Amino acid sequence: MTMKNELSISDTSRRASVTESIPGKEFAFAVTVGFHPTYGHPLEIFLTQRGRSGYPFEEALYDLGITASKIMQEYDTSSRKILDLENQLSLAKNQLRHYRQIVGETD
């Protein structure tokens, strides 16, 4: 089995993604993973069949990708933690700026 890896960042309105093509004897599949635009972690997955369409499992592959994406998004707290840290840093900077004004220092 040969797999083909493609990195795609075609325009700024789309997420960076990696696609693996998986050829088979009767079917060829593609697995695409999209990444968070700011933090770079996997955010979504798409499972598709390449070539002829109309097979019953196409919908199942699509639903499986949606379910996997929701799981990744729900259980990944890294971006939320980073945003919390950024907010705390911003508050600390504002407090420092306020204290400097009180004692007469300038930025």
Protein backbone atom coordinates (compact mmCIF):
# COMPACT_ATOMS: atom_id res chain seq x y z
CA MET A 1 0.00 0.00 0.00
CA THR A 2 1.42 3.38 -1.02
CA MET A 3 0.28 6.57 0.66
CA LYS A 4 0.62 10.05 -0.79
CA ASN A 5 0.98 12.98 1.58
CA GLU A 6 0.00 16.49 0.48
CA LEU A 7 0.26 19.67 2.57
CA SER A 8 -2.23 22.29 1.47
CA ILE A 9 -2.43 25.95 2.43
CA SER A 10 -4.06 27.28 -0.71
CA ASP A 11 -5.45 30.57 0.57
CA THR A 12 -5.77 32.43 3.84
CA SER A 13 -9.49 31.68 4.24
CA ARG A 14 -8.82 27.92 4.50
CA ARG A 15 -7.08 25.92 7.21
CA ALA A 16 -3.77 24.21 6.61
CA SER A 17 -4.35 20.53 6.00
CA VAL A 18 -2.61 17.26 5.20
CA THR A 19 -4.15 14.67 2.89
CA GLU A 20 -3.09 11.03 2.76
CA SER A 21 -4.22 9.08 -0.28
CA ILE A 22 -4.63 5.36 0.37
CA PRO A 23 -5.00 3.33 -2.83
CA GLY A 24 -6.59 -0.10 -2.68
CA LYS A 25 -7.48 -2.87 -5.11
CA GLU A 26 -11.13 -1.89 -5.52
CA PHE A 27 -11.34 1.45 -3.71
CA ALA A 28 -9.09 4.43 -3.11
CA PHE A 29 -9.52 6.59 -0.04
CA ALA A 30 -8.31 9.95 1.17
CA VAL A 31 -7.90 11.10 4.75
CA THR A 32 -7.57 14.85 5.25
CA VAL A 33 -6.71 16.44 8.59
CA GLY A 34 -7.27 20.19 9.01
CA PHE A 35 -5.24 22.16 11.55
CA HIS A 36 -6.13 25.06 13.85
CA PRO A 37 -5.00 28.29 12.11
CA THR A 38 -3.41 29.79 15.23
CA TYR A 39 -2.25 26.88 17.38
CA GLY A 40 -1.53 24.27 14.71
CA HIS A 41 -3.14 21.25 16.36
CA PRO A 42 -5.46 18.87 14.46
CA LEU A 43 -8.98 20.26 14.41
CA GLU A 44 -10.97 18.29 11.86
CA ILE A 45 -10.84 15.13 9.79
CA PHE A 46 -12.43 14.21 6.49
CA LEU A 47 -12.65 10.63 5.20
CA THR A 48 -13.56 10.27 1.54
CA GLN A 49 -13.57 7.72 -1.19
CA ARG A 50 -11.72 8.59 -4.38
CA GLY A 51 -13.06 7.69 -7.80
CA ARG A 52 -16.56 6.38 -8.39
CA SER A 53 -19.25 7.56 -6.02
CA GLY A 54 -22.52 6.05 -4.96
CA TYR A 55 -21.29 3.43 -2.52
CA PRO A 56 -23.32 3.10 0.70
CA PHE A 57 -20.30 3.55 2.98
CA GLU A 58 -19.57 7.05 1.63
CA GLU A 59 -22.10 8.55 4.03
CA ALA A 60 -20.69 6.43 6.86
CA LEU A 61 -17.17 7.73 6.12
CA TYR A 62 -18.46 11.30 6.15
CA ASP A 63 -20.30 10.78 9.45
CA LEU A 64 -17.23 9.10 10.96
CA GLY A 65 -15.11 12.14 10.03
CA ILE A 66 -17.64 14.54 11.57
CA THR A 67 -17.77 12.47 14.78
CA ALA A 68 -13.96 12.28 15.02
CA SER A 69 -13.70 16.06 14.44
CA LYS A 70 -16.21 16.79 17.20
CA ILE A 71 -14.30 14.53 19.60
CA MET A 72 -11.00 16.28 18.79
CA GLN A 73 -12.54 19.72 19.27
CA GLU A 74 -14.42 18.85 22.47
CA TYR A 75 -11.55 17.19 24.29
CA ASP A 76 -8.73 19.48 23.16
CA THR A 77 -8.32 22.19 25.77
CA SER A 78 -4.91 23.45 24.62
CA SER A 79 -6.22 26.49 22.73
CA ARG A 80 -8.54 27.38 25.62
CA LYS A 81 -5.59 27.18 28.04
CA ILE A 82 -3.46 29.37 25.77
CA LEU A 83 -6.26 31.94 25.51
CA ASP A 84 -6.62 31.95 29.31
CA LEU A 85 -2.87 32.54 29.68
CA GLU A 86 -3.00 35.36 27.11
CA ASN A 87 -5.86 36.98 29.05
CA GLN A 88 -3.97 36.67 32.34
CA LEU A 89 -0.87 38.20 30.75
CA SER A 90 -2.94 41.08 29.39
CA LEU A 91 -4.45 41.73 32.83
CA ALA A 92 -1.01 41.66 34.45
CA LYS A 93 0.32 44.16 31.88
CA ASN A 94 -2.63 46.46 32.53
CA GLN A 95 -2.06 46.26 36.29
CA LEU A 96 1.64 47.01 35.86
CA ARG A 97 0.81 49.97 33.62
CA HIS A 98 -1.64 51.23 36.27
CA TYR A 99 0.92 50.90 39.10
CA ARG A 100 3.55 52.71 37.00
CA GLN A 101 1.13 55.59 36.49
CA ILE A 102 0.52 55.76 40.23
CA VAL A 103 4.24 56.03 41.02
CA GLY A 104 4.87 58.40 38.10
CA GLU A 105 6.79 56.08 35.79
CA THR A 106 6.13 56.06 32.05
CA ASP A 107 6.19 53.12 29.63
